[in-house]
């Protein structure tokens, strides 16, 4: 029996270049990259090791640093809202 790795393509919306690069640095160990498409900034990465909870926790810390309440994360085409827990 072989185990097949699950790959998730993750796209995290960011309001601007500065905050996108800040999140990119926070997720650098996962080979995240800040991208800009048609003026819309985001951070993209691939999750091969089922680390979605860890990624969401990092996004919550990033949101707290920015004094924001939530961010949209697209996981394999499905959008999820990550919220800061008080």
Protein backbone atom coordinates (compact mmCIF):
# COMPACT_ATOMS: atom_id res chain seq x y z
CA UNK A 1 0.00 0.00 0.00
CA UNK A 2 1.37 3.41 -0.95
CA UNK A 3 0.51 6.76 0.54
CA UNK A 4 -0.18 9.57 -1.90
CA UNK A 5 0.64 13.12 -0.83
CA UNK A 6 -2.20 15.60 -0.93
CA UNK A 7 -1.33 18.86 -2.66
CA UNK A 8 -3.23 22.02 -1.88
CA UNK A 9 -2.76 25.22 -3.87
CA UNK A 10 -3.22 28.11 -1.46
CA UNK A 11 -3.84 31.75 -2.44
CA UNK A 12 -4.05 34.35 0.35
CA UNK A 13 -5.40 37.79 -0.59
CA UNK A 14 -3.38 40.81 0.58
CA UNK A 15 -4.39 44.47 0.35
CA UNK A 16 -1.06 45.74 -0.97
CA UNK A 17 2.56 44.90 -1.77
CA UNK A 18 3.93 45.70 1.69
CA UNK A 19 1.54 43.39 3.52
CA UNK A 20 1.93 40.66 0.88
CA UNK A 21 5.71 40.70 1.33
CA UNK A 22 5.29 40.63 5.12
CA UNK A 23 3.17 37.47 4.83
CA UNK A 24 5.60 36.00 2.31
CA UNK A 25 8.41 36.40 4.87
CA UNK A 26 6.26 34.84 7.60
CA UNK A 27 5.59 31.79 5.38
CA UNK A 28 9.04 31.66 3.73
CA UNK A 29 9.79 28.22 5.23
CA UNK A 30 6.90 26.90 3.07
CA UNK A 31 8.31 28.52 -0.10
CA UNK A 32 5.50 31.10 -0.29
CA UNK A 33 5.67 33.83 -2.90
CA UNK A 34 4.07 37.26 -3.14
CA UNK A 35 2.40 37.85 -6.51
CA UNK A 36 0.54 40.69 -8.17
CA UNK A 37 -1.99 39.94 -10.90
CA UNK A 38 -3.95 42.81 -12.44
CA UNK A 39 -3.09 45.02 -9.45
CA UNK A 40 -4.33 42.49 -6.88
CA UNK A 41 -1.70 41.33 -4.37
CA UNK A 42 -1.64 37.86 -2.84
CA UNK A 43 0.67 35.22 -1.41
CA UNK A 44 0.66 31.80 -3.02
CA UNK A 45 2.08 28.48 -1.93
CA UNK A 46 1.59 24.76 -2.27
CA UNK A 47 0.87 22.62 0.78
CA UNK A 48 2.19 19.09 0.31
CA UNK A 49 2.31 18.10 3.98
CA UNK A 50 -1.22 18.80 5.26
CA UNK A 51 -0.16 22.03 7.00
CA UNK A 52 -3.33 24.02 6.41
CA UNK A 53 -3.96 24.57 10.14
CA UNK A 54 -0.40 25.84 10.58
CA UNK A 55 -0.80 28.15 7.58
CA UNK A 56 -4.10 29.50 8.93
CA UNK A 57 -2.42 30.15 12.32
CA UNK A 58 0.36 32.10 10.58
CA UNK A 59 -2.28 34.12 8.71
CA UNK A 60 -4.02 34.91 12.02
CA UNK A 61 -0.73 36.21 13.47
CA UNK A 62 -0.21 38.29 10.32
CA UNK A 63 -3.72 39.71 10.69
CA UNK A 64 -3.09 40.59 14.34
CA UNK A 65 0.11 42.41 13.36
CA UNK A 66 -1.93 44.40 10.80
CA UNK A 67 -4.83 45.00 13.23
CA UNK A 68 -7.22 43.30 10.79
CA UNK A 69 -10.09 40.93 11.57
CA UNK A 70 -10.07 38.53 8.61
CA UNK A 71 -8.55 37.47 5.31
CA UNK A 72 -9.71 35.37 2.39
CA UNK A 73 -7.79 32.21 1.61
CA UNK A 74 -8.47 30.19 -1.49
CA UNK A 75 -7.65 26.49 -1.10
CA UNK A 76 -7.81 24.52 -4.36
CA UNK A 77 -10.35 26.99 -5.71
CA UNK A 78 -12.57 27.06 -2.61
CA UNK A 79 -12.62 30.33 -0.64
CA UNK A 80 -12.41 30.28 3.14
CA UNK A 81 -12.43 33.27 5.47
CA UNK A 82 -9.83 33.12 8.23
CA UNK A 83 -10.75 35.25 11.22
CA UNK A 84 -8.72 36.44 14.19
CA UNK A 85 -9.94 34.77 17.34
CA UNK A 86 -10.07 37.23 20.26
